[in-house]
N, C-alpha and C. Protein backbone atom coordinates (compact mmCIF):
# COMPACT_ATOMS: atom_id res chain seq x y z
N UNK A 1 -3.11 -0.47 7.18
CA UNK A 1 -4.23 -0.35 6.29
C UNK A 1 -5.46 -1.09 6.82
N UNK A 2 -5.60 -1.26 8.09
CA UNK A 2 -6.74 -1.97 8.65
C UNK A 2 -8.00 -1.15 8.49
N UNK A 3 -9.06 -1.84 8.13
CA UNK A 3 -10.35 -1.21 7.92
C UNK A 3 -11.43 -2.08 8.54
N UNK A 4 -12.57 -1.47 8.80
CA UNK A 4 -13.70 -2.28 9.22
C UNK A 4 -14.35 -2.88 7.98
N UNK A 5 -15.02 -3.99 8.15
CA UNK A 5 -15.68 -4.66 7.02
C UNK A 5 -16.93 -3.87 6.65
N UNK A 6 -17.14 -3.71 5.35
CA UNK A 6 -18.30 -2.96 4.87
C UNK A 6 -18.99 -3.75 3.78
N UNK A 7 -20.27 -3.50 3.62
CA UNK A 7 -21.02 -4.07 2.51
C UNK A 7 -20.97 -3.12 1.33
N UNK A 8 -21.42 -3.58 0.18
CA UNK A 8 -21.43 -2.74 -1.01
C UNK A 8 -22.37 -1.56 -0.79
N UNK A 9 -21.94 -0.40 -1.24
CA UNK A 9 -22.76 0.80 -1.07
C UNK A 9 -23.30 1.29 -2.40
N UNK A 10 -23.27 0.44 -3.40
CA UNK A 10 -23.78 0.86 -4.70
C UNK A 10 -24.95 0.00 -5.09
N UNK A 11 -25.71 0.49 -6.01
CA UNK A 11 -26.83 -0.24 -6.55
C UNK A 11 -26.71 -0.19 -8.05
N UNK A 12 -26.73 -1.36 -8.68
CA UNK A 12 -26.60 -1.42 -10.14
C UNK A 12 -27.73 -0.63 -10.78
N UNK A 13 -27.39 0.13 -11.77
CA UNK A 13 -28.39 0.90 -12.49
C UNK A 13 -28.54 2.32 -11.99
N UNK A 14 -27.98 2.63 -10.85
CA UNK A 14 -28.05 3.98 -10.32
C UNK A 14 -27.13 4.89 -11.13
N UNK A 15 -27.59 6.08 -11.53
CA UNK A 15 -26.71 6.97 -12.29
C UNK A 15 -25.51 7.39 -11.45
N UNK A 16 -24.38 7.60 -12.12
CA UNK A 16 -23.17 8.01 -11.41
C UNK A 16 -23.34 9.42 -10.88
N UNK A 17 -22.96 9.60 -9.64
CA UNK A 17 -23.08 10.90 -9.00
C UNK A 17 -21.90 11.79 -9.40
N UNK A 18 -22.04 13.06 -9.11
CA UNK A 18 -20.94 14.00 -9.35
C UNK A 18 -19.71 13.59 -8.54
N UNK A 19 -19.97 13.02 -7.36
CA UNK A 19 -18.88 12.54 -6.50
C UNK A 19 -18.10 11.43 -7.21
N UNK A 20 -18.80 10.48 -7.81
CA UNK A 20 -18.15 9.41 -8.56
C UNK A 20 -17.39 9.97 -9.76
N UNK A 21 -17.98 10.94 -10.42
CA UNK A 21 -17.33 11.54 -11.59
C UNK A 21 -16.04 12.26 -11.19
N UNK A 22 -16.02 12.89 -10.03
CA UNK A 22 -14.78 13.53 -9.54
C UNK A 22 -13.70 12.47 -9.33
N UNK A 23 -14.06 11.33 -8.77
CA UNK A 23 -13.08 10.27 -8.57
C UNK A 23 -12.59 9.74 -9.92
N UNK A 24 -13.49 9.59 -10.87
CA UNK A 24 -13.11 9.17 -12.23
C UNK A 24 -12.06 10.12 -12.80
N UNK A 25 -12.27 11.42 -12.60
CA UNK A 25 -11.31 12.41 -13.11
C UNK A 25 -9.97 12.30 -12.40
N UNK A 26 -9.98 11.98 -11.11
CA UNK A 26 -8.72 11.77 -10.39
C UNK A 26 -7.93 10.61 -11.02
N UNK A 27 -8.63 9.54 -11.35
CA UNK A 27 -7.98 8.40 -11.99
C UNK A 27 -7.45 8.80 -13.35
N UNK A 28 -8.24 9.52 -14.14
CA UNK A 28 -7.79 9.98 -15.46
C UNK A 28 -6.54 10.84 -15.36
N UNK A 29 -6.53 11.76 -14.39
CA UNK A 29 -5.35 12.63 -14.21
C UNK A 29 -4.14 11.83 -13.77
N UNK A 30 -4.35 10.85 -12.90
CA UNK A 30 -3.24 10.01 -12.44
C UNK A 30 -2.63 9.26 -13.61
N UNK A 31 -3.46 8.70 -14.47
CA UNK A 31 -2.96 7.97 -15.64
C UNK A 31 -2.21 8.92 -16.56
N UNK A 32 -2.76 10.10 -16.80
CA UNK A 32 -2.11 11.07 -17.71
C UNK A 32 -0.77 11.54 -17.16
N UNK A 33 -0.58 11.47 -15.84
CA UNK A 33 0.68 11.95 -15.24
C UNK A 33 1.80 10.92 -15.29
N UNK A 34 1.50 9.70 -15.67
CA UNK A 34 2.52 8.65 -15.72
C UNK A 34 3.39 8.88 -16.94
N UNK A 35 4.70 8.93 -16.75
CA UNK A 35 5.58 9.22 -17.89
C UNK A 35 5.64 8.06 -18.90
N UNK A 36 5.90 8.43 -20.14
CA UNK A 36 6.14 7.42 -21.17
C UNK A 36 7.51 6.83 -20.90
N UNK A 37 7.80 5.62 -21.22
CA UNK A 37 6.99 4.64 -21.93
C UNK A 37 6.06 3.85 -21.02
N UNK A 38 6.06 4.16 -19.71
CA UNK A 38 5.26 3.39 -18.77
C UNK A 38 3.77 3.58 -19.02
N UNK A 39 3.35 4.81 -19.36
CA UNK A 39 1.94 5.06 -19.65
C UNK A 39 1.48 4.22 -20.84
N UNK A 40 2.36 4.00 -21.82
CA UNK A 40 1.99 3.19 -22.98
C UNK A 40 1.65 1.76 -22.57
N UNK A 41 2.25 1.28 -21.49
CA UNK A 41 1.94 -0.07 -21.02
C UNK A 41 0.49 -0.18 -20.56
N UNK A 42 -0.13 0.95 -20.24
CA UNK A 42 -1.53 0.94 -19.82
C UNK A 42 -2.49 0.78 -20.99
N UNK A 43 -1.99 0.90 -22.22
CA UNK A 43 -2.86 0.77 -23.38
C UNK A 43 -3.56 -0.58 -23.44
N UNK A 44 -2.93 -1.60 -22.91
CA UNK A 44 -3.49 -2.95 -22.96
C UNK A 44 -4.11 -3.38 -21.63
N UNK A 45 -4.32 -2.44 -20.74
CA UNK A 45 -4.84 -2.74 -19.42
C UNK A 45 -6.13 -1.94 -19.20
N UNK A 46 -7.18 -2.62 -18.77
CA UNK A 46 -8.41 -1.93 -18.38
C UNK A 46 -8.21 -1.38 -16.98
N UNK A 47 -8.58 -0.13 -16.78
CA UNK A 47 -8.57 0.43 -15.43
C UNK A 47 -10.02 0.54 -14.99
N UNK A 48 -10.32 -0.16 -13.92
CA UNK A 48 -11.69 -0.29 -13.42
C UNK A 48 -11.76 0.36 -12.05
N UNK A 49 -12.82 1.10 -11.81
CA UNK A 49 -13.05 1.69 -10.49
C UNK A 49 -14.19 0.91 -9.85
N UNK A 50 -13.91 0.36 -8.68
CA UNK A 50 -14.92 -0.36 -7.90
C UNK A 50 -15.01 0.29 -6.53
N UNK A 51 -16.15 0.12 -5.88
CA UNK A 51 -16.28 0.69 -4.54
C UNK A 51 -15.30 0.06 -3.58
N UNK A 52 -15.24 -1.26 -3.56
CA UNK A 52 -14.37 -1.97 -2.63
C UNK A 52 -14.13 -3.38 -3.14
N UNK A 53 -13.15 -4.08 -2.57
CA UNK A 53 -12.88 -5.45 -3.03
C UNK A 53 -14.06 -6.39 -2.79
N UNK A 54 -14.24 -7.33 -3.71
CA UNK A 54 -15.27 -8.35 -3.53
C UNK A 54 -14.80 -9.38 -2.51
N UNK A 55 -15.71 -10.23 -2.07
CA UNK A 55 -15.33 -11.32 -1.16
C UNK A 55 -14.26 -12.19 -1.79
N UNK A 56 -14.43 -12.50 -3.07
CA UNK A 56 -13.46 -13.35 -3.76
C UNK A 56 -12.09 -12.68 -3.83
N UNK A 57 -12.04 -11.38 -4.16
CA UNK A 57 -10.76 -10.66 -4.20
C UNK A 57 -10.11 -10.64 -2.82
N UNK A 58 -10.92 -10.45 -1.80
CA UNK A 58 -10.39 -10.44 -0.43
C UNK A 58 -9.81 -11.80 -0.08
N UNK A 59 -10.55 -12.86 -0.41
CA UNK A 59 -10.10 -14.22 -0.10
C UNK A 59 -8.84 -14.55 -0.88
N UNK A 60 -8.81 -14.26 -2.18
CA UNK A 60 -7.65 -14.57 -3.01
C UNK A 60 -6.39 -13.84 -2.57
N UNK A 61 -6.55 -12.70 -1.91
CA UNK A 61 -5.40 -11.92 -1.47
C UNK A 61 -5.12 -12.07 0.02
N UNK A 62 -5.80 -13.02 0.65
CA UNK A 62 -5.52 -13.34 2.04
C UNK A 62 -5.81 -12.21 3.01
N UNK A 63 -6.83 -11.41 2.72
CA UNK A 63 -7.15 -10.29 3.61
C UNK A 63 -8.00 -10.74 4.78
N UNK A 64 -7.66 -10.23 5.94
CA UNK A 64 -8.48 -10.45 7.13
C UNK A 64 -9.69 -9.51 7.05
N UNK A 65 -10.65 -9.74 7.92
CA UNK A 65 -11.88 -8.94 7.91
C UNK A 65 -11.61 -7.45 8.15
N UNK A 66 -10.51 -7.13 8.86
CA UNK A 66 -10.22 -5.73 9.18
C UNK A 66 -9.25 -5.10 8.19
N UNK A 67 -8.97 -5.76 7.06
CA UNK A 67 -8.05 -5.23 6.06
C UNK A 67 -8.77 -4.99 4.74
N UNK A 68 -8.20 -4.12 3.93
CA UNK A 68 -8.75 -3.89 2.60
C UNK A 68 -7.63 -3.52 1.65
N UNK A 69 -7.97 -3.24 0.41
CA UNK A 69 -7.01 -2.87 -0.63
C UNK A 69 -7.37 -1.51 -1.21
N UNK A 70 -6.36 -0.80 -1.70
CA UNK A 70 -6.60 0.42 -2.47
C UNK A 70 -6.67 0.09 -3.95
N UNK A 71 -5.91 -0.93 -4.37
CA UNK A 71 -5.89 -1.30 -5.77
C UNK A 71 -5.48 -2.74 -5.91
N UNK A 72 -5.71 -3.29 -7.11
CA UNK A 72 -5.40 -4.69 -7.36
C UNK A 72 -5.06 -4.87 -8.84
N UNK A 73 -3.96 -5.58 -9.11
CA UNK A 73 -3.60 -5.96 -10.47
C UNK A 73 -4.11 -7.37 -10.71
N UNK A 74 -4.86 -7.55 -11.77
CA UNK A 74 -5.37 -8.87 -12.14
C UNK A 74 -4.92 -9.17 -13.56
N UNK A 75 -4.03 -10.13 -13.70
CA UNK A 75 -3.51 -10.50 -15.01
C UNK A 75 -2.19 -11.23 -14.86
N UNK A 76 -1.52 -11.41 -15.97
CA UNK A 76 -0.22 -12.07 -15.99
C UNK A 76 0.84 -11.01 -16.27
N UNK A 77 1.81 -10.83 -15.35
CA UNK A 77 2.86 -9.83 -15.58
C UNK A 77 3.61 -10.12 -16.89
N UNK A 78 4.06 -9.06 -17.54
CA UNK A 78 4.75 -9.18 -18.83
C UNK A 78 5.96 -10.10 -18.77
N UNK A 79 6.67 -10.11 -17.64
CA UNK A 79 7.87 -10.93 -17.55
C UNK A 79 7.56 -12.42 -17.34
N UNK A 80 6.28 -12.77 -17.25
CA UNK A 80 5.89 -14.17 -17.10
C UNK A 80 5.19 -14.72 -18.34
N UNK A 81 4.98 -13.88 -19.35
CA UNK A 81 4.30 -14.32 -20.56
C UNK A 81 5.16 -15.30 -21.34
N UNK A 82 4.52 -16.27 -21.94
CA UNK A 82 5.20 -17.20 -22.84
C UNK A 82 4.81 -16.89 -24.27
N UNK A 83 5.66 -17.24 -25.22
CA UNK A 83 5.41 -16.93 -26.63
C UNK A 83 4.17 -17.58 -27.19
N UNK A 84 3.76 -18.70 -26.63
CA UNK A 84 2.59 -19.40 -27.15
C UNK A 84 1.34 -19.19 -26.30
N UNK A 85 1.37 -18.22 -25.41
CA UNK A 85 0.24 -17.94 -24.55
C UNK A 85 -0.83 -17.14 -25.29
N UNK A 86 -2.07 -17.43 -24.96
CA UNK A 86 -3.17 -16.60 -25.42
C UNK A 86 -3.23 -15.38 -24.50
N UNK A 87 -3.49 -14.21 -25.05
CA UNK A 87 -3.63 -13.05 -24.17
C UNK A 87 -4.79 -13.26 -23.18
N UNK A 88 -4.59 -12.82 -21.96
CA UNK A 88 -5.63 -12.91 -20.94
C UNK A 88 -6.04 -11.49 -20.57
N UNK A 89 -7.28 -11.32 -20.16
CA UNK A 89 -7.70 -9.98 -19.75
C UNK A 89 -6.83 -9.48 -18.60
N UNK A 90 -6.39 -8.27 -18.71
CA UNK A 90 -5.55 -7.66 -17.69
C UNK A 90 -6.24 -6.38 -17.24
N UNK A 91 -6.28 -6.20 -15.93
CA UNK A 91 -6.91 -4.99 -15.43
C UNK A 91 -6.31 -4.55 -14.11
N UNK A 92 -6.44 -3.27 -13.88
CA UNK A 92 -6.11 -2.66 -12.60
C UNK A 92 -7.43 -2.19 -12.02
N UNK A 93 -7.71 -2.63 -10.80
CA UNK A 93 -8.92 -2.20 -10.12
C UNK A 93 -8.51 -1.21 -9.03
N UNK A 94 -9.14 -0.04 -9.05
CA UNK A 94 -8.90 0.99 -8.03
C UNK A 94 -10.15 1.01 -7.15
N UNK A 95 -9.95 0.85 -5.85
CA UNK A 95 -11.06 0.77 -4.91
C UNK A 95 -11.31 2.13 -4.28
N UNK A 96 -12.43 2.74 -4.68
CA UNK A 96 -12.77 4.12 -4.34
C UNK A 96 -13.01 4.34 -2.84
N UNK A 97 -13.84 3.51 -2.22
CA UNK A 97 -14.23 3.79 -0.83
C UNK A 97 -13.06 3.75 0.15
N UNK A 98 -12.19 2.74 0.11
CA UNK A 98 -11.06 2.76 1.05
C UNK A 98 -10.14 3.97 0.84
N UNK A 99 -9.94 4.34 -0.42
CA UNK A 99 -9.09 5.50 -0.69
C UNK A 99 -9.72 6.78 -0.16
N UNK A 100 -11.00 6.97 -0.44
CA UNK A 100 -11.66 8.19 0.03
C UNK A 100 -11.74 8.24 1.56
N UNK A 101 -11.92 7.09 2.18
CA UNK A 101 -12.00 7.06 3.64
C UNK A 101 -10.66 7.41 4.28
N UNK A 102 -9.57 6.87 3.73
CA UNK A 102 -8.25 7.09 4.32
C UNK A 102 -7.60 8.41 3.91
N UNK A 103 -8.07 9.00 2.83
CA UNK A 103 -7.47 10.23 2.31
C UNK A 103 -8.58 11.26 2.04
N UNK A 104 -9.14 11.85 3.10
CA UNK A 104 -10.22 12.82 2.90
C UNK A 104 -9.77 14.13 2.25
N UNK A 105 -8.49 14.48 2.39
CA UNK A 105 -7.98 15.69 1.75
C UNK A 105 -7.86 15.44 0.25
N UNK A 106 -8.44 16.29 -0.60
CA UNK A 106 -8.43 16.06 -2.04
C UNK A 106 -7.02 15.92 -2.64
N UNK A 107 -6.06 16.69 -2.16
CA UNK A 107 -4.70 16.58 -2.69
C UNK A 107 -4.06 15.26 -2.30
N UNK A 108 -4.25 14.86 -1.05
CA UNK A 108 -3.72 13.58 -0.59
C UNK A 108 -4.38 12.42 -1.34
N UNK A 109 -5.68 12.54 -1.58
CA UNK A 109 -6.40 11.50 -2.32
C UNK A 109 -5.85 11.39 -3.73
N UNK A 110 -5.65 12.51 -4.40
CA UNK A 110 -5.10 12.49 -5.76
C UNK A 110 -3.72 11.82 -5.77
N UNK A 111 -2.89 12.17 -4.81
CA UNK A 111 -1.55 11.55 -4.73
C UNK A 111 -1.65 10.04 -4.54
N UNK A 112 -2.52 9.61 -3.64
CA UNK A 112 -2.63 8.17 -3.35
C UNK A 112 -3.24 7.40 -4.51
N UNK A 113 -4.16 8.00 -5.24
CA UNK A 113 -4.71 7.34 -6.43
C UNK A 113 -3.59 7.10 -7.43
N UNK A 114 -2.74 8.11 -7.64
CA UNK A 114 -1.61 7.96 -8.57
C UNK A 114 -0.64 6.88 -8.08
N UNK A 115 -0.32 6.91 -6.80
CA UNK A 115 0.59 5.91 -6.23
C UNK A 115 -0.01 4.50 -6.39
N UNK A 116 -1.29 4.37 -6.16
CA UNK A 116 -1.95 3.06 -6.29
C UNK A 116 -1.87 2.55 -7.72
N UNK A 117 -2.16 3.41 -8.69
CA UNK A 117 -2.10 2.99 -10.09
C UNK A 117 -0.67 2.63 -10.48
N UNK A 118 0.30 3.43 -10.05
CA UNK A 118 1.71 3.11 -10.34
C UNK A 118 2.11 1.77 -9.73
N UNK A 119 1.69 1.52 -8.51
CA UNK A 119 2.02 0.27 -7.83
C UNK A 119 1.45 -0.92 -8.61
N UNK A 120 0.21 -0.81 -9.05
CA UNK A 120 -0.41 -1.92 -9.79
C UNK A 120 0.20 -2.06 -11.19
N UNK A 121 0.53 -0.94 -11.83
CA UNK A 121 1.22 -1.00 -13.12
C UNK A 121 2.57 -1.69 -12.97
N UNK A 122 3.26 -1.43 -11.87
CA UNK A 122 4.54 -2.09 -11.63
C UNK A 122 4.38 -3.60 -11.58
N UNK A 123 3.30 -4.08 -10.99
CA UNK A 123 3.04 -5.53 -11.00
C UNK A 123 2.95 -6.04 -12.43
N UNK A 124 2.25 -5.31 -13.29
CA UNK A 124 2.12 -5.71 -14.69
C UNK A 124 3.47 -5.77 -15.38
N UNK A 125 4.33 -4.84 -15.05
CA UNK A 125 5.66 -4.77 -15.67
C UNK A 125 6.66 -5.73 -15.02
N UNK A 126 6.22 -6.43 -13.98
CA UNK A 126 7.11 -7.38 -13.31
C UNK A 126 8.04 -6.72 -12.32
N UNK A 127 7.69 -5.51 -11.88
CA UNK A 127 8.51 -4.78 -10.91
C UNK A 127 7.83 -4.88 -9.55
N UNK A 128 8.49 -5.53 -8.61
CA UNK A 128 7.92 -5.67 -7.27
C UNK A 128 8.70 -4.88 -6.23
N UNK A 129 9.63 -4.07 -6.66
CA UNK A 129 10.54 -3.37 -5.77
C UNK A 129 10.25 -1.87 -5.82
N UNK A 130 9.82 -1.30 -4.68
CA UNK A 130 9.51 0.13 -4.61
C UNK A 130 10.74 0.99 -4.95
N UNK A 131 11.92 0.55 -4.54
CA UNK A 131 13.13 1.31 -4.84
C UNK A 131 13.38 1.36 -6.34
N UNK A 132 13.08 0.28 -7.04
CA UNK A 132 13.26 0.25 -8.49
C UNK A 132 12.31 1.24 -9.17
N UNK A 133 11.11 1.37 -8.66
CA UNK A 133 10.18 2.36 -9.19
C UNK A 133 10.76 3.76 -9.06
N UNK A 134 11.34 4.06 -7.91
CA UNK A 134 11.94 5.38 -7.69
C UNK A 134 13.10 5.60 -8.65
N UNK A 135 13.93 4.57 -8.88
CA UNK A 135 15.04 4.69 -9.81
C UNK A 135 14.57 4.99 -11.22
N UNK A 136 13.42 4.42 -11.59
CA UNK A 136 12.86 4.63 -12.93
C UNK A 136 12.12 5.96 -13.04
N UNK A 137 11.92 6.62 -11.92
CA UNK A 137 11.25 7.92 -11.94
C UNK A 137 9.74 7.83 -12.05
N UNK A 138 9.18 6.70 -11.65
CA UNK A 138 7.72 6.57 -11.72
C UNK A 138 7.11 6.35 -10.34
N UNK A 139 7.80 6.83 -9.30
CA UNK A 139 7.26 6.68 -7.95
C UNK A 139 6.32 7.80 -7.62
C-alpha cells in the first residue's frame, strides 16, 4: 500500500462535485450491503469521507511518508467499554483519494470501499481477525 506523499486537494467551502457525490453513493451502497445485525452496529458510528489522512492520523498510525490508509476506525471498540464509561465519539473515516488512485475500475473501487468499511467496523466490534470476518459472512 505504498503511496507518494500528497497535500490536501480540497478547499473548504467548495461545492461537492459530481465525482465526490458518486463516491458518497459508493459508501452508501457499501453500508447498505452489510448484513444485519452488523449494519445495526453502524447506527452509533459516524462515517466520514476525507480526501486523505491528516498528518496527525498518519503519525498516530506510524505511517511512513510513502504509506497511506484507505480507512480508519477512531473510537473505543465495544469489547473494551466499561459500564461507567462516558460514550466517546466513534467514527469510521474512508479516505477517497488513495482508494480512487489504487482502484480506478469502478467495480473494483466499489468492492474495496465495502471491504474498507467492513474492516473498520470489525475494529469497532473488537474483531481483528480477517478469518473471523469470513466465518461471520461479512467479508
